[in-house]
N, C-alpha and C. Protein backbone atom coordinates (compact mmCIF):
# COMPACT_ATOMS: atom_id res chain seq x y z
N MET A 1 57.27 170.05 -123.56
CA MET A 1 57.44 169.30 -124.90
C MET A 1 58.33 170.15 -125.81
N VAL A 2 59.15 169.42 -126.57
CA VAL A 2 60.02 170.10 -127.50
C VAL A 2 59.56 169.69 -128.99
N VAL A 3 59.45 170.53 -129.96
CA VAL A 3 59.23 170.25 -131.26
C VAL A 3 60.41 170.37 -132.20
N ALA A 4 60.75 169.20 -132.96
CA ALA A 4 61.97 169.40 -133.87
C ALA A 4 61.40 169.12 -135.40
N ASP A 5 61.58 170.11 -136.05
CA ASP A 5 61.28 169.98 -137.56
C ASP A 5 62.13 171.03 -138.33
N ASP A 6 62.71 170.65 -139.44
CA ASP A 6 63.56 171.46 -140.23
C ASP A 6 62.97 172.65 -140.84
N GLN A 7 61.57 172.41 -141.30
CA GLN A 7 60.85 173.46 -141.97
C GLN A 7 60.22 174.41 -141.03
N ALA A 8 60.67 175.76 -141.14
CA ALA A 8 60.27 176.78 -140.11
C ALA A 8 58.76 176.93 -140.18
N VAL A 9 58.13 176.98 -141.39
CA VAL A 9 56.65 177.15 -141.48
C VAL A 9 55.82 176.00 -140.76
N VAL A 10 56.44 174.84 -140.98
CA VAL A 10 55.71 173.59 -140.44
C VAL A 10 55.97 173.55 -138.94
N ARG A 11 57.27 173.80 -138.52
CA ARG A 11 57.51 173.78 -137.08
C ARG A 11 56.69 174.81 -136.39
N GLU A 12 56.66 175.98 -136.89
CA GLU A 12 55.79 177.12 -136.19
C GLU A 12 54.38 176.81 -136.20
N GLY A 13 53.87 176.10 -137.20
CA GLY A 13 52.49 175.66 -137.23
C GLY A 13 52.16 174.59 -136.27
N ILE A 14 53.10 173.65 -136.06
CA ILE A 14 52.93 172.59 -135.09
C ILE A 14 52.96 173.18 -133.49
N VAL A 15 53.95 174.08 -133.29
CA VAL A 15 54.02 174.71 -132.03
C VAL A 15 52.68 175.42 -131.72
N MET A 16 52.21 176.16 -132.79
CA MET A 16 51.05 176.90 -132.58
C MET A 16 49.71 176.01 -132.28
N LEU A 17 49.70 174.90 -132.98
CA LEU A 17 48.67 173.86 -132.88
C LEU A 17 48.59 173.20 -131.55
N LEU A 18 49.96 172.87 -131.03
CA LEU A 18 50.01 172.37 -129.75
C LEU A 18 49.67 173.29 -128.51
N GLY A 19 49.94 174.59 -128.84
CA GLY A 19 49.69 175.41 -127.87
C GLY A 19 48.16 175.60 -127.70
N LEU A 20 47.43 175.11 -128.49
CA LEU A 20 45.86 175.31 -128.28
C LEU A 20 45.40 174.01 -127.77
N LEU A 21 46.16 172.90 -127.55
CA LEU A 21 45.59 171.71 -127.11
C LEU A 21 45.75 171.59 -125.59
N PRO A 22 44.83 170.97 -124.97
CA PRO A 22 44.80 170.91 -123.51
C PRO A 22 46.00 170.05 -123.04
N GLY A 23 46.49 170.50 -121.89
CA GLY A 23 47.47 169.57 -121.12
C GLY A 23 48.83 169.57 -121.87
N ILE A 24 49.05 170.42 -122.80
CA ILE A 24 50.44 170.35 -123.46
C ILE A 24 51.09 171.70 -123.36
N GLU A 25 52.18 171.70 -122.97
CA GLU A 25 53.09 173.00 -122.84
C GLU A 25 54.42 172.85 -123.74
N VAL A 26 54.59 173.59 -124.77
CA VAL A 26 55.70 173.44 -125.68
C VAL A 26 56.78 174.53 -124.94
N VAL A 27 57.94 173.79 -124.63
CA VAL A 27 58.93 174.72 -123.93
C VAL A 27 60.10 174.92 -124.84
N GLY A 28 60.21 174.38 -126.04
CA GLY A 28 61.18 174.78 -127.07
C GLY A 28 60.82 174.10 -128.43
N SER A 29 61.59 174.75 -129.42
CA SER A 29 61.58 174.10 -130.94
C SER A 29 62.93 174.05 -131.22
N ALA A 30 63.09 172.96 -132.21
CA ALA A 30 64.51 172.90 -132.79
C ALA A 30 64.51 172.66 -134.31
N LYS A 31 65.49 173.19 -135.07
CA LYS A 31 65.41 173.17 -136.48
C LYS A 31 66.18 171.97 -136.96
N ASP A 32 66.79 171.07 -136.18
CA ASP A 32 67.42 169.87 -136.53
C ASP A 32 67.68 169.02 -135.18
N GLY A 33 68.25 167.77 -135.54
CA GLY A 33 68.42 166.92 -134.51
C GLY A 33 69.41 167.34 -133.44
N GLU A 34 70.52 168.01 -133.89
CA GLU A 34 71.46 168.53 -133.05
C GLU A 34 70.80 169.52 -131.91
N GLU A 35 69.96 170.35 -132.53
CA GLU A 35 69.30 171.26 -131.56
C GLU A 35 68.38 170.48 -130.65
N ALA A 36 67.68 169.58 -131.20
CA ALA A 36 66.77 168.70 -130.39
C ALA A 36 67.59 168.10 -129.18
N VAL A 37 68.66 167.39 -129.36
CA VAL A 37 69.34 166.82 -128.30
C VAL A 37 69.78 167.75 -127.34
N ALA A 38 70.29 169.07 -127.75
CA ALA A 38 70.61 170.08 -126.89
C ALA A 38 69.53 170.73 -125.98
N LEU A 39 68.51 170.70 -126.72
CA LEU A 39 67.27 171.15 -125.86
C LEU A 39 66.81 170.22 -124.81
N VAL A 40 66.72 169.05 -125.14
CA VAL A 40 66.51 167.91 -124.22
C VAL A 40 67.50 167.94 -123.08
N ALA A 41 68.74 168.15 -123.36
CA ALA A 41 69.69 168.20 -122.24
C ALA A 41 69.55 169.44 -121.32
N GLU A 42 68.97 170.55 -121.91
CA GLU A 42 68.80 171.71 -121.28
C GLU A 42 67.38 171.82 -120.46
N LEU A 43 66.28 171.34 -121.09
CA LEU A 43 64.94 171.58 -120.61
C LEU A 43 64.28 170.31 -120.02
N ALA A 44 64.90 169.06 -120.34
CA ALA A 44 64.34 167.86 -119.74
C ALA A 44 62.84 167.73 -120.13
N PRO A 45 62.33 167.70 -121.28
CA PRO A 45 60.90 167.71 -121.59
C PRO A 45 60.50 166.28 -121.42
N ASP A 46 59.12 166.09 -121.24
CA ASP A 46 58.76 164.79 -121.21
C ASP A 46 58.66 163.99 -122.48
N VAL A 47 58.36 164.87 -123.64
CA VAL A 47 58.25 164.42 -124.91
C VAL A 47 58.98 165.24 -125.88
N VAL A 48 59.56 164.67 -127.00
CA VAL A 48 60.02 165.35 -128.20
C VAL A 48 59.17 164.87 -129.41
N LEU A 49 58.56 165.88 -130.19
CA LEU A 49 57.78 165.56 -131.31
C LEU A 49 58.80 165.75 -132.36
N MET A 50 59.32 164.61 -132.96
CA MET A 50 60.46 164.65 -133.82
C MET A 50 60.20 164.24 -135.40
N ASP A 51 60.59 165.22 -136.19
CA ASP A 51 60.68 164.99 -137.59
C ASP A 51 61.78 164.07 -137.91
N LEU A 52 61.77 163.33 -139.05
CA LEU A 52 62.88 162.40 -139.38
C LEU A 52 63.92 163.01 -140.29
N ARG A 53 63.44 163.81 -141.38
CA ARG A 53 64.41 164.11 -142.40
C ARG A 53 64.71 165.45 -142.12
N MET A 54 65.92 165.63 -141.34
CA MET A 54 66.48 167.00 -140.96
C MET A 54 67.98 167.00 -141.41
N PRO A 55 68.51 168.19 -141.56
CA PRO A 55 70.01 168.21 -141.73
C PRO A 55 70.69 168.19 -140.34
N ARG A 56 72.13 168.00 -140.68
CA ARG A 56 73.15 167.79 -139.53
C ARG A 56 72.93 166.45 -138.75
N CYS A 57 71.83 166.40 -138.18
CA CYS A 57 71.40 165.21 -137.42
C CYS A 57 70.04 164.82 -137.68
N ASP A 58 69.77 163.69 -138.25
CA ASP A 58 68.26 163.27 -138.60
C ASP A 58 67.59 162.80 -137.50
N GLY A 59 66.32 162.65 -137.50
CA GLY A 59 65.39 162.32 -136.48
C GLY A 59 65.75 160.84 -135.85
N VAL A 60 66.29 159.97 -136.64
CA VAL A 60 66.60 158.60 -136.18
C VAL A 60 67.73 158.79 -135.18
N GLU A 61 68.77 159.44 -135.60
CA GLU A 61 69.97 159.62 -134.78
C GLU A 61 69.78 160.34 -133.51
N ALA A 62 68.97 161.40 -133.70
CA ALA A 62 68.61 162.30 -132.56
C ALA A 62 67.71 161.46 -131.49
N THR A 63 66.90 160.64 -132.03
CA THR A 63 66.07 159.84 -131.14
C THR A 63 67.03 158.84 -130.43
N ARG A 64 67.94 158.22 -131.08
CA ARG A 64 68.75 157.21 -130.59
C ARG A 64 69.68 158.03 -129.30
N ARG A 65 70.12 159.17 -129.73
CA ARG A 65 70.92 159.84 -128.57
C ARG A 65 70.13 160.35 -127.38
N ILE A 66 68.77 160.84 -127.78
CA ILE A 66 67.92 161.31 -126.54
C ILE A 66 67.66 160.08 -125.68
N ARG A 67 67.30 159.02 -126.28
CA ARG A 67 66.95 157.93 -125.46
C ARG A 67 67.96 157.28 -124.73
N ALA A 68 69.20 157.26 -125.13
CA ALA A 68 70.53 156.84 -124.57
C ALA A 68 70.87 157.78 -123.42
N GLU A 69 70.80 159.02 -123.65
CA GLU A 69 71.36 160.10 -122.66
C GLU A 69 70.27 160.63 -121.86
N HIS A 70 69.12 160.50 -122.31
CA HIS A 70 67.96 161.16 -121.40
C HIS A 70 66.65 160.25 -121.43
N PRO A 71 66.77 159.05 -120.74
CA PRO A 71 65.71 158.20 -120.87
C PRO A 71 64.41 158.51 -120.25
N GLY A 72 64.42 159.69 -119.61
CA GLY A 72 63.16 160.15 -119.17
C GLY A 72 62.33 160.89 -120.17
N THR A 73 62.92 161.14 -121.20
CA THR A 73 62.24 161.82 -122.45
C THR A 73 61.90 160.90 -123.46
N GLN A 74 60.64 160.96 -123.78
CA GLN A 74 60.09 160.11 -124.78
C GLN A 74 60.04 160.66 -126.17
N VAL A 75 60.20 159.94 -127.26
CA VAL A 75 60.12 160.45 -128.51
C VAL A 75 58.79 160.13 -129.39
N VAL A 76 58.13 160.97 -129.94
CA VAL A 76 57.02 160.69 -130.84
C VAL A 76 57.40 161.27 -132.10
N VAL A 77 57.53 160.32 -133.14
CA VAL A 77 57.91 160.69 -134.52
C VAL A 77 56.70 161.39 -135.11
N LEU A 78 56.82 162.64 -135.84
CA LEU A 78 55.79 163.18 -136.76
C LEU A 78 56.33 163.47 -137.98
N THR A 79 56.04 162.56 -139.09
CA THR A 79 56.74 162.77 -140.24
C THR A 79 55.61 162.58 -141.43
N THR A 80 56.14 162.87 -142.61
CA THR A 80 55.42 162.73 -143.84
C THR A 80 55.48 161.24 -144.18
N TYR A 81 56.54 160.49 -143.74
CA TYR A 81 56.89 159.14 -144.28
C TYR A 81 56.51 158.01 -143.37
N ALA A 82 55.76 156.92 -143.89
CA ALA A 82 55.32 155.74 -143.16
C ALA A 82 55.89 154.49 -143.88
N ASP A 83 57.00 154.72 -144.63
CA ASP A 83 57.58 153.53 -145.32
C ASP A 83 58.43 152.83 -144.30
N ASP A 84 58.78 151.46 -144.62
CA ASP A 84 59.63 150.74 -143.87
C ASP A 84 60.86 151.32 -143.59
N ASP A 85 61.52 152.02 -144.48
CA ASP A 85 62.93 152.49 -144.36
C ASP A 85 62.89 153.75 -143.37
N SER A 86 61.73 154.35 -143.06
CA SER A 86 61.65 155.19 -142.02
C SER A 86 61.13 154.88 -140.68
N LEU A 87 60.06 153.94 -140.93
CA LEU A 87 59.39 153.52 -139.52
C LEU A 87 60.24 152.60 -138.72
N PHE A 88 60.87 151.64 -139.25
CA PHE A 88 61.42 150.69 -138.49
C PHE A 88 62.79 151.18 -137.76
N PRO A 89 63.66 151.96 -138.53
CA PRO A 89 64.78 152.49 -137.93
C PRO A 89 64.35 153.43 -136.76
N ALA A 90 63.39 154.11 -136.97
CA ALA A 90 62.91 155.16 -135.81
C ALA A 90 62.43 154.29 -134.52
N LEU A 91 61.79 153.36 -134.80
CA LEU A 91 61.35 152.39 -133.71
C LEU A 91 62.52 151.77 -133.04
N ARG A 92 63.44 151.28 -133.78
CA ARG A 92 64.56 150.74 -133.23
C ARG A 92 65.47 151.57 -132.52
N ALA A 93 65.43 152.90 -132.88
CA ALA A 93 66.27 153.89 -132.18
C ALA A 93 65.64 154.22 -130.85
N GLY A 94 64.29 153.96 -130.55
CA GLY A 94 63.68 154.10 -129.26
C GLY A 94 62.52 155.05 -129.40
N ALA A 95 62.08 155.46 -130.49
CA ALA A 95 60.68 156.12 -130.62
C ALA A 95 59.59 155.31 -129.99
N ARG A 96 58.79 155.81 -129.12
CA ARG A 96 57.61 155.26 -128.65
C ARG A 96 56.27 155.57 -129.35
N GLY A 97 56.34 156.43 -130.11
CA GLY A 97 55.23 156.94 -131.01
C GLY A 97 55.57 157.34 -132.45
N TYR A 98 54.80 157.10 -133.35
CA TYR A 98 54.91 157.37 -134.74
C TYR A 98 53.61 157.74 -135.30
N LEU A 99 53.61 159.06 -135.89
CA LEU A 99 52.40 159.55 -136.52
C LEU A 99 52.97 160.13 -137.87
N THR A 100 51.91 160.15 -138.89
CA THR A 100 52.22 161.00 -140.13
C THR A 100 51.56 162.39 -140.04
N LYS A 101 52.03 163.23 -140.85
CA LYS A 101 51.73 164.60 -140.54
C LYS A 101 50.23 164.92 -141.18
N ASP A 102 49.58 164.00 -141.41
CA ASP A 102 48.06 164.10 -141.52
C ASP A 102 47.35 163.92 -140.43
N ALA A 103 48.00 163.57 -139.22
CA ALA A 103 47.29 163.32 -137.99
C ALA A 103 46.78 164.59 -137.53
N ASP A 104 45.53 164.55 -136.89
CA ASP A 104 44.94 165.75 -136.39
C ASP A 104 45.29 165.96 -134.93
N GLY A 105 44.84 167.12 -134.27
CA GLY A 105 45.23 167.37 -132.91
C GLY A 105 44.91 166.39 -131.89
N GLY A 106 43.77 165.81 -132.05
CA GLY A 106 43.31 164.67 -131.10
C GLY A 106 44.20 163.39 -131.22
N GLU A 107 44.68 163.05 -132.36
CA GLU A 107 45.57 161.88 -132.46
C GLU A 107 47.01 162.32 -131.97
N ILE A 108 47.55 163.51 -132.00
CA ILE A 108 48.79 163.99 -131.63
C ILE A 108 48.63 163.89 -130.05
N VAL A 109 47.61 164.38 -129.40
CA VAL A 109 47.38 164.57 -127.95
C VAL A 109 47.32 162.90 -127.42
N ARG A 110 46.62 162.09 -128.03
CA ARG A 110 46.52 160.76 -127.46
C ARG A 110 47.83 160.07 -127.65
N ALA A 111 48.64 160.34 -128.83
CA ALA A 111 49.98 159.66 -128.89
C ALA A 111 50.87 160.17 -127.76
N ILE A 112 50.84 161.42 -127.39
CA ILE A 112 51.65 162.02 -126.41
C ILE A 112 51.30 161.54 -125.01
N GLN A 113 49.98 161.35 -124.77
CA GLN A 113 49.61 160.92 -123.53
C GLN A 113 49.92 159.37 -123.31
N ASP A 114 49.92 158.55 -124.45
CA ASP A 114 50.07 157.31 -124.42
C ASP A 114 51.72 156.99 -124.09
N VAL A 115 52.42 157.67 -124.79
CA VAL A 115 54.01 157.47 -124.35
C VAL A 115 54.34 157.90 -123.01
N VAL A 116 53.69 159.05 -122.60
CA VAL A 116 54.02 159.39 -121.11
C VAL A 116 53.56 158.33 -120.10
N ALA A 117 52.56 157.74 -120.49
CA ALA A 117 51.96 156.59 -119.70
C ALA A 117 52.56 155.31 -119.90
N GLY A 118 53.65 155.14 -120.83
CA GLY A 118 54.30 154.01 -120.92
C GLY A 118 53.82 153.18 -122.08
N ARG A 119 52.70 153.67 -122.75
CA ARG A 119 52.33 152.79 -123.91
C ARG A 119 52.94 153.30 -125.24
N ALA A 120 52.60 152.55 -126.33
CA ALA A 120 52.97 152.95 -127.60
C ALA A 120 51.90 154.01 -128.29
N GLY A 121 52.42 155.10 -128.85
CA GLY A 121 51.44 156.12 -129.49
C GLY A 121 51.54 155.87 -131.03
N LEU A 122 50.85 155.06 -131.55
CA LEU A 122 51.01 154.79 -132.91
C LEU A 122 49.84 154.95 -133.87
N SER A 123 49.90 155.61 -134.90
CA SER A 123 48.79 155.95 -135.66
C SER A 123 48.20 154.61 -136.34
N PRO A 124 46.97 154.46 -136.59
CA PRO A 124 46.31 153.30 -137.23
C PRO A 124 47.15 152.81 -138.41
N VAL A 125 47.63 153.78 -139.27
CA VAL A 125 48.36 153.25 -140.39
C VAL A 125 49.64 152.40 -139.90
N VAL A 126 50.33 153.14 -138.85
CA VAL A 126 51.59 152.50 -138.58
C VAL A 126 51.18 151.13 -137.81
N GLN A 127 50.02 151.10 -137.04
CA GLN A 127 49.71 149.89 -136.38
C GLN A 127 49.51 148.74 -137.57
N GLN A 128 48.91 149.07 -138.56
CA GLN A 128 48.51 148.15 -139.67
C GLN A 128 49.73 147.76 -140.20
N ARG A 129 50.76 148.65 -140.51
CA ARG A 129 52.05 148.16 -141.22
C ARG A 129 52.85 147.30 -140.27
N LEU A 130 52.74 147.54 -139.07
CA LEU A 130 53.38 146.56 -138.04
C LEU A 130 53.00 145.27 -138.07
N LEU A 131 51.49 145.09 -138.15
CA LEU A 131 50.99 143.78 -138.13
C LEU A 131 51.29 143.08 -139.36
N GLU A 132 51.22 143.80 -140.55
CA GLU A 132 51.73 143.21 -141.64
C GLU A 132 53.09 142.64 -141.78
N ARG A 133 53.94 143.34 -141.21
CA ARG A 133 55.35 143.06 -141.15
C ARG A 133 55.50 141.73 -140.27
N VAL A 134 54.83 141.75 -139.15
CA VAL A 134 54.83 140.51 -138.34
C VAL A 134 54.17 139.37 -139.06
N ALA A 135 53.17 139.57 -139.75
CA ALA A 135 52.44 138.41 -140.49
C ALA A 135 53.36 137.78 -141.62
N SER A 136 54.06 138.81 -142.13
CA SER A 136 55.01 138.33 -143.37
C SER A 136 56.35 137.91 -142.94
N THR A 137 56.67 137.99 -141.48
CA THR A 137 58.08 137.58 -141.21
C THR A 137 58.17 136.02 -141.03
N PRO A 138 59.18 135.43 -141.89
CA PRO A 138 59.13 133.91 -141.61
C PRO A 138 59.25 133.47 -140.28
N GLU A 139 58.90 132.26 -139.99
CA GLU A 139 58.98 131.73 -138.56
C GLU A 139 60.53 131.40 -138.39
N PRO A 140 60.97 131.71 -137.07
CA PRO A 140 62.53 131.65 -137.01
C PRO A 140 62.82 130.05 -137.09
N ALA A 141 64.05 129.80 -137.55
CA ALA A 141 64.39 128.39 -137.74
C ALA A 141 64.39 127.60 -136.51
N ALA A 142 64.62 128.28 -135.31
CA ALA A 142 64.58 127.64 -133.95
C ALA A 142 63.18 127.06 -133.59
N ALA A 143 62.11 127.64 -134.33
CA ALA A 143 60.95 127.27 -133.82
C ALA A 143 60.46 126.06 -134.81
N ARG A 144 61.17 125.83 -135.90
CA ARG A 144 60.74 124.77 -136.81
C ARG A 144 61.60 123.42 -136.40
N LEU A 145 61.02 122.93 -135.33
CA LEU A 145 61.70 121.77 -134.85
C LEU A 145 61.08 120.42 -135.37
N PRO A 146 61.74 119.22 -135.29
CA PRO A 146 61.19 118.09 -135.91
C PRO A 146 60.04 117.59 -135.02
N ASP A 147 59.28 116.74 -135.88
CA ASP A 147 58.08 115.98 -135.20
C ASP A 147 57.19 116.99 -134.34
N GLY A 148 57.12 118.27 -134.62
CA GLY A 148 56.20 119.15 -133.98
C GLY A 148 56.59 119.62 -132.62
N LEU A 149 58.01 119.37 -132.17
CA LEU A 149 58.34 119.73 -130.92
C LEU A 149 58.31 121.33 -130.80
N THR A 150 57.79 121.78 -129.60
CA THR A 150 57.90 123.19 -129.34
C THR A 150 59.24 123.67 -129.02
N GLY A 151 59.41 124.95 -129.02
CA GLY A 151 60.77 125.41 -128.54
C GLY A 151 61.31 125.03 -127.27
N ARG A 152 60.30 125.10 -126.27
CA ARG A 152 60.65 124.65 -124.83
C ARG A 152 61.08 123.11 -124.82
N GLU A 153 60.21 122.25 -125.60
CA GLU A 153 60.41 120.85 -125.61
C GLU A 153 61.87 120.59 -126.28
N GLY A 154 62.24 121.50 -127.14
CA GLY A 154 63.59 121.22 -127.74
C GLY A 154 64.60 121.71 -126.68
N GLU A 155 64.48 122.54 -125.95
CA GLU A 155 65.39 123.08 -124.91
C GLU A 155 65.61 121.91 -123.88
N VAL A 156 64.50 121.38 -123.47
CA VAL A 156 64.52 120.22 -122.58
C VAL A 156 65.23 118.98 -123.11
N LEU A 157 65.09 118.75 -124.29
CA LEU A 157 65.59 117.58 -125.05
C LEU A 157 67.08 117.72 -125.19
N ALA A 158 67.51 118.94 -125.38
CA ALA A 158 69.00 119.26 -125.50
C ALA A 158 69.79 119.21 -124.11
N LEU A 159 69.09 119.48 -123.01
CA LEU A 159 69.58 119.55 -121.72
C LEU A 159 69.67 118.00 -121.20
N ILE A 160 68.45 117.16 -121.65
CA ILE A 160 68.54 115.85 -121.45
C ILE A 160 69.92 115.18 -122.17
N ALA A 161 70.13 115.54 -123.32
CA ALA A 161 71.34 115.07 -124.06
C ALA A 161 72.61 115.44 -123.48
N ASP A 162 72.52 116.66 -122.76
CA ASP A 162 73.76 117.17 -121.89
C ASP A 162 73.85 116.38 -120.59
N GLY A 163 72.98 115.43 -120.26
CA GLY A 163 73.04 114.64 -119.09
C GLY A 163 72.42 115.25 -117.93
N LEU A 164 71.70 116.28 -117.94
CA LEU A 164 71.05 116.97 -116.86
C LEU A 164 69.90 116.14 -116.33
N THR A 165 69.62 116.01 -114.98
CA THR A 165 68.52 115.38 -114.48
C THR A 165 67.29 116.38 -114.54
N ASN A 166 66.14 115.86 -114.25
CA ASN A 166 64.93 116.66 -114.30
C ASN A 166 65.08 117.83 -113.41
N ALA A 167 65.58 117.61 -112.22
CA ALA A 167 65.75 118.86 -111.20
C ALA A 167 66.59 119.82 -111.71
N GLU A 168 67.80 119.38 -112.36
CA GLU A 168 68.75 120.25 -112.91
C GLU A 168 68.13 121.12 -114.07
N ILE A 169 67.43 120.34 -114.97
CA ILE A 169 66.73 121.03 -116.09
C ILE A 169 65.70 122.14 -115.31
N ALA A 170 65.05 121.73 -114.37
CA ALA A 170 64.08 122.66 -113.76
C ALA A 170 64.81 123.86 -113.44
N ARG A 171 65.97 123.76 -112.73
CA ARG A 171 66.68 125.02 -112.10
C ARG A 171 67.18 125.73 -113.47
N ARG A 172 67.77 125.19 -114.32
CA ARG A 172 68.39 125.84 -115.50
C ARG A 172 67.25 126.63 -116.26
N LEU A 173 65.94 126.06 -116.45
CA LEU A 173 64.98 126.82 -117.09
C LEU A 173 64.03 127.53 -116.27
N HIS A 174 64.30 127.52 -115.10
CA HIS A 174 63.40 128.17 -114.05
C HIS A 174 62.01 127.83 -114.03
N ILE A 175 61.76 126.53 -114.27
CA ILE A 175 60.43 125.97 -114.20
C ILE A 175 60.37 124.90 -113.17
N SER A 176 59.19 124.30 -112.77
CA SER A 176 59.14 123.27 -111.87
C SER A 176 59.58 122.02 -112.48
N THR A 177 59.82 121.00 -111.49
CA THR A 177 60.21 119.61 -112.01
C THR A 177 58.95 119.10 -112.63
N ALA A 178 57.79 119.20 -112.17
CA ALA A 178 56.53 118.72 -112.65
C ALA A 178 56.42 119.24 -114.26
N THR A 179 56.67 120.55 -114.37
CA THR A 179 56.67 121.07 -115.74
C THR A 179 57.65 120.27 -116.69
N VAL A 180 58.94 120.08 -116.10
CA VAL A 180 59.88 119.39 -116.86
C VAL A 180 59.27 118.05 -117.33
N LYS A 181 58.76 117.36 -116.34
CA LYS A 181 58.37 115.96 -116.72
C LYS A 181 57.03 115.96 -117.73
N THR A 182 56.23 117.12 -117.72
CA THR A 182 55.27 117.20 -118.68
C THR A 182 55.84 117.56 -120.12
N HIS A 183 56.85 118.39 -120.16
CA HIS A 183 57.60 118.45 -121.36
C HIS A 183 58.21 117.21 -121.96
N ILE A 184 58.77 116.44 -120.96
CA ILE A 184 59.43 115.16 -121.43
C ILE A 184 58.30 114.20 -121.97
N ASN A 185 57.31 113.97 -121.23
CA ASN A 185 56.19 113.13 -121.70
C ASN A 185 55.78 113.71 -123.18
N ASN A 186 55.55 114.76 -123.26
CA ASN A 186 55.19 115.35 -124.48
C ASN A 186 56.01 115.08 -125.77
N LEU A 187 57.36 115.48 -125.48
CA LEU A 187 58.28 115.26 -126.48
C LEU A 187 58.55 113.79 -126.81
N PHE A 188 58.56 112.95 -125.87
CA PHE A 188 58.57 111.44 -125.98
C PHE A 188 57.55 110.98 -126.84
N ALA A 189 56.27 111.45 -126.61
CA ALA A 189 55.10 111.08 -127.52
C ALA A 189 55.17 111.46 -128.89
N LYS A 190 55.65 112.69 -129.08
CA LYS A 190 55.80 113.25 -130.49
C LYS A 190 56.80 112.56 -131.19
N ALA A 191 57.98 112.38 -130.59
CA ALA A 191 59.08 111.61 -131.39
C ALA A 191 59.15 110.26 -131.25
N GLY A 192 58.22 109.59 -130.61
CA GLY A 192 58.15 108.07 -130.50
C GLY A 192 59.32 107.60 -129.66
N LEU A 193 59.61 108.29 -128.54
CA LEU A 193 60.71 107.85 -127.70
C LEU A 193 60.11 107.09 -126.50
N HIS A 194 61.04 106.24 -125.95
CA HIS A 194 60.58 105.34 -124.81
C HIS A 194 61.53 105.65 -123.57
N ASP A 195 62.68 106.07 -123.72
CA ASP A 195 63.44 106.37 -122.52
C ASP A 195 64.50 107.41 -123.00
N ARG A 196 65.38 107.84 -121.91
CA ARG A 196 66.30 108.97 -122.09
C ARG A 196 67.38 108.62 -123.02
N ALA A 197 67.75 107.36 -123.15
CA ALA A 197 68.89 106.81 -123.97
C ALA A 197 68.46 107.08 -125.32
N GLN A 198 67.17 106.81 -125.77
CA GLN A 198 66.68 107.07 -127.10
C GLN A 198 66.60 108.50 -127.41
N ALA A 199 66.19 109.33 -126.27
CA ALA A 199 66.13 110.79 -126.48
C ALA A 199 67.42 111.43 -126.73
N VAL A 200 68.44 110.87 -126.18
CA VAL A 200 69.79 111.38 -126.32
C VAL A 200 70.23 111.09 -127.88
N ARG A 201 69.90 109.93 -128.37
CA ARG A 201 70.31 109.47 -129.75
C ARG A 201 69.39 110.35 -130.79
N TYR A 202 68.22 110.56 -130.38
CA TYR A 202 67.41 111.30 -131.25
C TYR A 202 67.87 112.79 -131.44
N ALA A 203 68.37 113.38 -130.29
CA ALA A 203 68.74 114.76 -130.24
C ALA A 203 70.12 114.91 -131.03
N TYR A 204 71.05 113.86 -130.96
CA TYR A 204 72.25 114.02 -131.71
C TYR A 204 71.85 113.87 -133.34
N ARG A 205 70.78 112.96 -133.52
CA ARG A 205 70.54 112.60 -135.03
C ARG A 205 69.97 113.84 -135.71
N LYS A 206 69.00 114.47 -134.82
CA LYS A 206 68.36 115.53 -135.34
C LYS A 206 69.08 116.87 -135.25
N GLY A 207 70.33 116.97 -134.81
CA GLY A 207 71.12 118.06 -134.63
C GLY A 207 70.70 119.04 -133.62
N LEU A 208 70.08 118.52 -132.63
CA LEU A 208 69.48 119.39 -131.45
C LEU A 208 70.54 119.37 -130.31
N ALA A 209 71.53 118.60 -130.44
CA ALA A 209 72.61 118.59 -129.42
C ALA A 209 73.87 118.12 -130.14
N GLN A 210 75.08 118.38 -129.54
CA GLN A 210 76.24 117.87 -130.10
C GLN A 210 76.88 116.71 -129.20
N PRO A 211 77.20 115.70 -129.93
CA PRO A 211 77.72 114.39 -129.08
C PRO A 211 79.02 115.00 -128.44
N PRO A 212 79.39 114.29 -127.23
CA PRO A 212 80.69 114.77 -126.58
C PRO A 212 81.90 114.66 -127.48
N GLY A 213 82.75 115.50 -127.38
CA GLY A 213 83.93 115.43 -128.24
C GLY A 213 83.82 115.94 -129.70
N SER A 214 82.63 116.18 -129.98
CA SER A 214 82.46 116.83 -131.37
C SER A 214 82.76 118.25 -131.39
N SER A 215 83.10 118.90 -132.48
CA SER A 215 83.50 120.06 -132.62
C SER A 215 82.59 120.91 -133.62
N ILE A 216 82.51 122.19 -133.54
CA ILE A 216 81.78 122.98 -134.48
C ILE A 216 82.69 123.93 -135.11
N THR A 217 82.67 123.84 -136.54
CA THR A 217 83.64 124.81 -137.18
C THR A 217 82.81 125.85 -138.01
């Protein structure tokens, strides 16, 4: 494992703590993101315990570079901050774990073990923030289809409007022909349709497909 933190006292304290924990070997420490990336290239550790706010190269950029250049090394963020502007950029950069610095030794060990095993190593506070973010995210426009159609039913309807047969739709969507028929029956019932000609007109009217010869600007 490599530890990256720009504060020497904090970095040395983390290294000392990790040295006391079972199953963890610290092979190097870095005072900024540039050093962290270099150490990963040299030592190929399983995990980097990464601070975020560091000079020269911050933890987010270092995480991005490590995950791109050394995908066998996982990153667990250990930081003071759990705000959205810190959390989400780090996760998008490829961090698999995220802890705040009030985490105890047991939490750190669990997070490290989780990311090595391919799971997310997130503190309870971070998990709660992610759940809140998901709950508050508006439903995507593509999911708000007319007459209660599901996204898959909308896809099937658009392909009907494109002139595809049931077998062709099944191949396009990698589903069975029977499943296509079920989706068609459901969308016909929801939209009050009786045949494919009505379905095509409905798709054009609702903007789910473009009539032949129309252009999009």
